[in-house]
C-alpha atoms as a PDB file:
ATOM      1  CA  MET A   1      80.113  72.187  79.530  1.00  0.00           C
ATOM      2  CA  GLN A   2      82.925  72.946  81.984  1.00  0.00           C
ATOM      3  CA  LEU A   3      82.773  71.946  85.636  1.00  0.00           C
ATOM      4  CA  SER A   4      83.970  74.229  88.442  1.00  0.00           C
ATOM      5  CA  GLY A   5      85.238  73.559  91.946  1.00  0.00           C
ATOM      6  CA  ALA A   6      81.775  74.272  93.365  1.00  0.00           C
ATOM      7  CA  ASP A   7      80.383  71.340  91.348  1.00  0.00           C
ATOM      8  CA  GLU A   8      82.201  68.961  93.723  1.00  0.00           C
ATOM      9  CA  TYR A   9      79.837  69.823  96.602  1.00  0.00           C
ATOM     10  CA  PHE A  10      76.240  68.862  97.382  1.00  0.00           C
ATOM     11  CA  THR A  11      74.848  72.330  96.649  1.00  0.00           C
ATOM     12  CA  HIS A  12      73.126  71.804  93.272  1.00  0.00           C
ATOM     13  CA  GLN A  13      69.513  72.756  92.813  1.00  0.00           C
ATOM     14  CA  THR A  14      69.373  71.442  89.211  1.00  0.00           C
ATOM     15  CA  ALA A  15      71.213  68.825  87.141  1.00  0.00           C
ATOM     16  CA  LEU A  16      73.313  71.593  85.542  1.00  0.00           C
ATOM     17  CA  PRO A  17      76.794  72.646  86.699  1.00  0.00           C
ATOM     18  CA  HIS A  18      77.111  75.827  88.759  1.00  0.00           C
ATOM     19  CA  THR A  19      78.377  77.779  85.754  1.00  0.00           C
ATOM     20  CA  MET A  20      74.938  77.479  84.111  1.00  0.00           C
ATOM     21  CA  VAL A  21      71.493  78.620  85.236  1.00  0.00           C
ATOM     22  CA  ALA A  22      68.341  76.537  84.791  1.00  0.00           C
ATOM     23  CA  THR A  23      66.283  79.246  83.066  1.00  0.00           C
ATOM     24  CA  SER A  24      66.687  81.394  79.976  1.00  0.00           C
ATOM     25  CA  ASP A  25      64.862  84.339  81.576  1.00  0.00           C
ATOM     26  CA  PRO A  26      67.055  87.408  80.946  1.00  0.00           C
ATOM     27  CA  SER A  27      66.133  88.961  84.297  1.00  0.00           C
ATOM     28  CA  TRP A  28      67.451  85.970  86.326  1.00  0.00           C
ATOM     29  CA  ARG A  29      70.228  87.188  88.610  1.00  0.00           C
ATOM     30  CA  GLU A  30      72.399  86.495  91.635  1.00  0.00           C
ATOM     31  CA  ARG A  31      72.959  89.376  94.025  1.00  0.00           C
ATOM     32  CA  TYR A  32      74.942  90.110  97.123  1.00  0.00           C
ATOM     33  CA  TRP A  33      74.087  93.104  99.285  1.00  0.00           C
ATOM     34  CA  VAL A  34      75.675  94.351 102.550  1.00  0.00           C
ATOM     35  CA  SER A  35      74.931  97.421 104.599  1.00  0.00           C
ATOM     36  CA  PHE A  36      76.992  99.069 107.340  1.00  0.00           C
ATOM     37  CA  GLN A  37      75.501 101.561 109.790  1.00  0.00           C
ATOM     38  CA  ASP A  38      77.010 103.836 112.428  1.00  0.00           C
ATOM     39  CA  THR A  39      75.088 102.581 115.458  1.00  0.00           C
ATOM     40  CA  GLY A  40      76.519 105.293 117.708  1.00  0.00           C
ATOM     41  CA  SER A  41      74.996 108.332 115.996  1.00  0.00           C
ATOM     42  CA  GLY A  42      72.876 106.582 113.362  1.00  0.00           C
ATOM     43  CA  ASP A  43      74.094 109.299 111.013  1.00  0.00           C
ATOM     44  CA  THR A  44      76.045 107.246 108.413  1.00  0.00           C
ATOM     45  CA  VAL A  45      74.942 104.265 106.316  1.00  0.00           C
ATOM     46  CA  LEU A  46      77.084 102.603 103.629  1.00  0.00           C
ATOM     47  CA  THR A  47      75.422 100.015 101.373  1.00  0.00           C
ATOM     48  CA  LEU A  48      77.270  97.965  98.752  1.00  0.00           C
ATOM     49  CA  GLY A  49      75.944  95.455  96.249  1.00  0.00           C
ATOM     50  CA  LEU A  50      77.101  93.163  93.445  1.00  0.00           C
ATOM     51  CA  GLY A  51      74.861  91.420  90.945  1.00  0.00           C
ATOM     52  CA  ARG A  52      75.394  89.089  88.001  1.00  0.00           C
ATOM     53  CA  TYR A  53      72.937  88.477  85.114  1.00  0.00           C
ATOM     54  CA  PRO A  54      74.391  85.354  83.428  1.00  0.00           C
ATOM     55  CA  ASN A  55      71.748  85.257  80.689  1.00  0.00           C
ATOM     56  CA  GLN A  56      72.691  88.780  79.628  1.00  0.00           C
ATOM     57  CA  ASP A  57      76.459  88.456  80.270  1.00  0.00           C
ATOM     58  CA  VAL A  58      76.247  91.517  82.507  1.00  0.00           C
ATOM     59  CA  MET A  59      77.584  92.241  85.986  1.00  0.00           C
ATOM     60  CA  GLU A  60      76.653  95.296  88.040  1.00  0.00           C
ATOM     61  CA  ALA A  61      77.813  96.872  91.291  1.00  0.00           C
ATOM     62  CA  PHE A  62      76.389  99.720  93.332  1.00  0.00           C
ATOM     63  CA  VAL A  63      77.349 101.815  96.301  1.00  0.00           C
ATOM     64  CA  CYS A  64      75.196 104.164  98.373  1.00  0.00           C
ATOM     65  CA  LEU A  65      76.511 106.418 101.100  1.00  0.00           C
ATOM     66  CA  SER A  66      74.145 108.390 103.283  1.00  0.00           C
ATOM     67  CA  ARG A  67      75.725 110.813 105.747  1.00  0.00           C
ATOM     68  CA  ALA A  68      74.459 113.909 107.554  1.00  0.00           C
ATOM     69  CA  GLY A  69      71.262 113.979 105.500  1.00  0.00           C
ATOM     70  CA  ARG A  70      73.079 113.777 102.154  1.00  0.00           C
ATOM     71  CA  GLN A  71      72.951 110.667  99.920  1.00  0.00           C
ATOM     72  CA  THR A  72      75.484 109.753  97.205  1.00  0.00           C
ATOM     73  CA  ASN A  73      74.884 106.825  94.833  1.00  0.00           C
ATOM     74  CA  GLY A  74      77.075 105.034  92.296  1.00  0.00           C
ATOM     75  CA  GLN A  75      76.336 102.248  89.828  1.00  0.00           C
ATOM     76  CA  PHE A  76      78.784 100.350  87.618  1.00  0.00           C
ATOM     77  CA  VAL A  77      77.756  97.918  84.859  1.00  0.00           C
ATOM     78  CA  ALA A  78      80.180  95.737  82.867  1.00  0.00           C
ATOM     79  CA  ASP A  79      80.002  93.110  80.126  1.00  0.00           C
ATOM     80  CA  THR A  80      81.183  89.844  81.698  1.00  0.00           C
ATOM     81  CA  VAL A  81      82.328  88.223  78.420  1.00  0.00           C
ATOM     82  CA  ALA A  82      84.527  91.040  77.094  1.00  0.00           C
ATOM     83  CA  ARG A  83      85.233  92.424  80.612  1.00  0.00           C
ATOM     84  CA  LEU A  84      84.430  95.886  79.291  1.00  0.00           C
ATOM     85  CA  PRO A  85      82.587  98.550  81.240  1.00  0.00           C
ATOM     86  CA  ARG A  86      79.206  99.461  79.766  1.00  0.00           C
ATOM     87  CA  HIS A  87      78.508 102.490  81.912  1.00  0.00           C
ATOM     88  CA  ALA A  88      79.050 104.095  85.265  1.00  0.00           C
ATOM     89  CA  SER A  89      76.801 106.648  86.896  1.00  0.00           C
ATOM     90  CA  GLY A  90      76.533 108.544  90.107  1.00  0.00           C
ATOM     91  CA  ALA A  91      74.313 111.061  91.856  1.00  0.00           C
ATOM     92  CA  THR A  92      74.708 113.411  94.771  1.00  0.00           C
ATOM     93  CA  GLY A  93      71.744 115.488  95.824  1.00  0.00           C
ATOM     94  CA  MET A  94      70.108 116.713  92.613  1.00  0.00           C
ATOM     95  CA  ARG A  95      73.270 116.450  90.470  1.00  0.00           C
ATOM     96  CA  ARG A  96      73.700 113.381  88.267  1.00  0.00           C
ATOM     97  CA  ALA A  97      76.602 112.150  86.133  1.00  0.00           C
ATOM     98  CA  ARG A  98      76.804 109.253  83.641  1.00  0.00           C
ATOM     99  CA  ALA A  99      79.649 107.851  81.561  1.00  0.00           C
ATOM    100  CA  VAL A 100      79.073 105.316  78.792  1.00  0.00           C
ATOM    101  CA  ALA A 101      81.757 103.170  77.184  1.00  0.00           C
END
């Protein structure tokens, strides 16, 4: 068990170090999500997200851009142990693309 810099602070919710989670549930995750909106015209919204599934050794990211009534999405998933991409996909309107490594 290796300690990290975050383990020096009073932020623990379990007796485990921050590099470990307290459950073996494969769907357990940490996520960050931020959204930017054009408040002037209300026409453009950009949403970005990053998630980590430590019990599956997977990390994912997504981006969604909505502008002038058209939405474009992208998703990227990578293996956190080997640092290899698993797949990337995107969609605009009714067209969809997917690449798998």
